[in-house]
Each structure stands twice: as C-alpha cells, then as structure tokens.
C-alpha cells in the first residue's frame, strides 16, 4: 500500500512540476513576443517619424527655391518646374504624414505634424523678404519641435 501511495505522490509531483514548467515557459514566450512586437512597432514609428521629417525638409526646400525663382526673376519654365516639384514633394510629405497618423498613438503629435505641413504650405506665399524669412524661421523651428516631440514618444529622451 505504501508503494502505491508513493507512486501516486510521485506521479502527482511530476504532473505538477510539468504543469508549472509549462506555465512558466508560456509566460516567457508571451513576454518575448510582446517585447518583440513592441520593439518592432517602435522601430516602425521611428522610421515613419524620420521619413516624415525628411519629407518636410525636402518640401520646405522646394518651396524656398520656388519663392526665390518667383521673386528674383526665374524664367517661366523654371517657375513652373519648381511649382511641379513642390506639388510632388507635398504628396510625398502627405504620404509620410499618413504613416505617422496610422502608427502614432499620440494625437498631439499627429496634430503637430499636420500643423507643420500646413505652415510649410505658406512659405512660397510670402509677400516680401521679411515675411519669407519669418516663414522660413517658423517652419525650421516647427520641424525641430516635431522631431523632438516624436523622439519623446519613442522613449529616446
């Protein structure tokens, strides 16, 4: 009888140990999967934010160039070429903005991203050199602020 009881206890102990081991392994796998998913999402956000900032800089540069061509005597062909380049780069910036919108959980960051794009849209509409310089300074700072804010959402500060 004692041998049977010892065998039953041994089997129960083995089953309990196997069950606990399985549970710990499942939790470890879940933690690893969660970490991997979170890291992948963080990397995607970093790529989206960086791509958007780069697209903003390129779009801004095109509009600055356009303003100079329009106000300092560029040929009609150059003005048209610069306008078309601006349209193309605005589309690129807008596509990058849509990625930011899809990936960012921070609505304030998304709102700031829209504000930067709308402010850059105004650069080529500046009436005089002083207004133009002010628009350039404002947009430069807005891009820097966007990057700083985005960096903060990634845990890189």
Protein backbone atom coordinates (compact mmCIF):
# COMPACT_ATOMS: atom_id res chain seq x y z
CA UNK A 1 0.00 0.00 0.00
CA UNK A 2 2.85 2.34 0.81
CA UNK A 3 4.41 1.67 -2.58
CA UNK A 4 1.14 2.64 -4.31
CA UNK A 5 0.85 5.84 -2.26
CA UNK A 6 4.47 6.73 -3.02
CA UNK A 7 3.88 6.08 -6.71
CA UNK A 8 0.73 8.24 -6.73
CA UNK A 9 2.58 11.06 -4.94
CA UNK A 10 5.50 10.75 -7.39
CA UNK A 11 3.15 10.89 -10.39
CA UNK A 12 1.26 13.89 -8.95
CA UNK A 13 4.54 15.66 -8.22
CA UNK A 14 5.76 15.02 -11.74
CA UNK A 15 2.48 16.28 -13.24
CA UNK A 16 2.54 19.38 -11.03
CA UNK A 17 6.15 20.08 -11.97
CA UNK A 18 5.43 19.61 -15.68
CA UNK A 19 2.37 21.88 -15.43
CA UNK A 20 4.30 24.63 -13.66
CA UNK A 21 7.19 24.36 -16.08
CA UNK A 22 4.77 24.61 -19.00
CA UNK A 23 3.08 27.67 -17.49
CA UNK A 24 6.43 29.44 -16.91
CA UNK A 25 7.51 28.67 -20.47
CA UNK A 26 4.23 30.02 -21.88
CA UNK A 27 4.63 33.23 -19.87
CA UNK A 28 8.24 33.60 -21.02
CA UNK A 29 7.22 33.14 -24.67
CA UNK A 30 4.37 35.66 -24.27
CA UNK A 31 6.77 38.19 -22.73
CA UNK A 32 9.26 37.68 -25.55
CA UNK A 33 6.55 38.03 -28.20
CA UNK A 34 5.21 41.19 -26.54
CA UNK A 35 8.72 42.67 -26.34
CA UNK A 36 9.41 41.79 -29.99
CA UNK A 37 6.08 43.29 -31.12
CA UNK A 38 6.62 46.47 -29.09
CA UNK A 39 10.17 46.87 -30.40
CA UNK A 40 9.05 46.33 -33.99
CA UNK A 41 6.30 48.94 -33.54
CA UNK A 42 8.80 51.37 -32.01
CA UNK A 43 11.13 50.86 -34.99
CA UNK A 44 8.25 51.41 -37.43
CA UNK A 45 7.31 54.60 -35.60
CA UNK A 46 10.91 55.78 -35.67
CA UNK A 47 11.07 55.13 -39.42
CA UNK A 48 7.75 56.90 -40.01
CA UNK A 49 8.70 59.93 -37.94
CA UNK A 50 12.12 60.18 -39.57
CA UNK A 51 10.67 59.79 -43.07
CA UNK A 52 8.09 62.47 -42.36
CA UNK A 53 10.68 64.91 -41.02
CA UNK A 54 12.85 64.28 -44.08
CA UNK A 55 9.89 64.80 -46.40
CA UNK A 56 9.07 68.06 -44.63
CA UNK A 57 12.62 69.32 -45.06
CA UNK A 58 12.59 68.46 -48.77
CA UNK A 59 9.18 70.04 -49.30
CA UNK A 60 10.24 73.17 -47.44
CA UNK A 61 13.44 73.39 -49.50
CA UNK A 62 11.43 73.14 -52.73
CA UNK A 63 9.09 75.94 -51.64
CA UNK A 64 12.02 78.14 -50.62
CA UNK A 65 13.57 77.56 -54.02
CA UNK A 66 10.21 78.29 -55.66
CA UNK A 67 9.88 81.58 -53.77
CA UNK A 68 13.31 82.70 -54.94
CA UNK A 69 12.51 81.78 -58.56
CA UNK A 70 9.19 83.64 -58.43
CA UNK A 71 10.53 86.76 -56.67
CA UNK A 72 14.02 87.05 -58.07
CA UNK A 73 13.45 86.63 -61.74
CA UNK A 74 13.39 82.99 -62.65
CA UNK A 75 12.26 82.07 -66.14
CA UNK A 76 8.63 80.95 -66.54
CA UNK A 77 9.86 77.41 -67.24
CA UNK A 78 11.89 77.38 -64.00
CA UNK A 79 8.93 78.70 -62.02
CA UNK A 80 6.66 76.02 -63.48
CA UNK A 81 9.27 73.32 -62.88
CA UNK A 82 9.68 74.43 -59.25
CA UNK A 83 5.92 74.50 -58.74
CA UNK A 84 5.59 70.94 -60.05
CA UNK A 85 8.46 69.77 -57.84
CA UNK A 86 6.71 71.36 -54.87
CA UNK A 87 3.48 69.51 -55.67
CA UNK A 88 5.35 66.23 -55.93
CA UNK A 89 7.19 66.74 -52.65
CA UNK A 90 3.99 67.78 -50.89
CA UNK A 91 2.45 64.46 -51.94
CA UNK A 92 5.47 62.63 -50.54
CA UNK A 93 5.15 64.55 -47.27
CA UNK A 94 1.44 63.85 -47.09
CA UNK A 95 2.00 60.11 -47.63
CA UNK A 96 4.58 60.14 -44.84
CA UNK A 97 2.09 62.02 -42.65
CA UNK A 98 -0.49 59.29 -43.21
CA UNK A 99 2.02 56.72 -41.91
CA UNK A 100 2.58 58.90 -38.84
CA UNK A 101 -1.18 59.05 -38.32
CA UNK A 102 -1.54 55.27 -38.58
CA UNK A 103 1.35 54.44 -36.28
CA UNK A 104 1.31 57.16 -33.63
CA UNK A 105 -0.80 56.68 -30.51
CA UNK A 106 -0.18 60.34 -29.61
CA UNK A 107 -2.88 62.60 -31.08
CA UNK A 108 -0.93 65.70 -30.04
CA UNK A 109 2.00 64.54 -32.18
CA UNK A 110 -0.31 63.91 -35.15
CA UNK A 111 -1.86 67.36 -34.74
CA UNK A 112 1.60 68.91 -34.60
CA UNK A 113 2.58 67.00 -37.74
CA UNK A 114 -0.41 68.48 -39.59
CA UNK A 115 0.39 71.97 -38.33
CA UNK A 116 3.95 71.75 -39.62
CA UNK A 117 2.77 70.72 -43.08
CA UNK A 118 0.18 73.50 -43.22
CA UNK A 119 2.73 76.07 -42.12
CA UNK A 120 5.22 74.90 -44.75
CA UNK A 121 2.47 75.27 -47.35
CA UNK A 122 2.61 79.02 -46.69
CA UNK A 123 6.34 79.51 -47.35
CA UNK A 124 6.07 80.23 -51.07
CA UNK A 125 3.13 82.60 -50.47
CA UNK A 126 5.20 85.11 -48.50
CA UNK A 127 4.67 88.59 -49.90
CA UNK A 128 8.07 90.11 -49.17
CA UNK A 129 11.56 89.08 -48.00
CA UNK A 130 10.81 89.83 -44.33
CA UNK A 131 7.67 87.68 -44.36
CA UNK A 132 9.61 84.99 -46.24
CA UNK A 133 12.41 84.98 -43.67
CA UNK A 134 9.85 84.76 -40.86
CA UNK A 135 8.11 81.81 -42.55
CA UNK A 136 11.43 80.03 -43.06
CA UNK A 137 12.39 80.52 -39.41
CA UNK A 138 8.99 79.37 -38.15
CA UNK A 139 8.97 76.24 -40.30
CA UNK A 140 12.55 75.35 -39.34
CA UNK A 141 11.59 75.53 -35.66
CA UNK A 142 8.36 73.59 -36.20
CA UNK A 143 10.24 70.75 -37.87
CA UNK A 144 12.73 70.68 -34.99
CA UNK A 145 9.86 70.68 -32.48
CA UNK A 146 8.16 67.81 -34.30
CA UNK A 147 11.36 65.74 -34.21
CA UNK A 148 11.89 66.49 -30.51
CA UNK A 149 8.30 65.58 -29.65
CA UNK A 150 8.46 62.40 -31.76
CA UNK A 151 11.70 61.42 -30.08
CA UNK A 152 9.99 61.76 -26.71
CA UNK A 153 7.23 59.35 -27.73
CA UNK A 154 9.82 56.72 -28.63
CA UNK A 155 11.47 56.72 -25.23
CA UNK A 156 14.71 58.14 -26.64
CA UNK A 157 14.91 61.24 -24.47
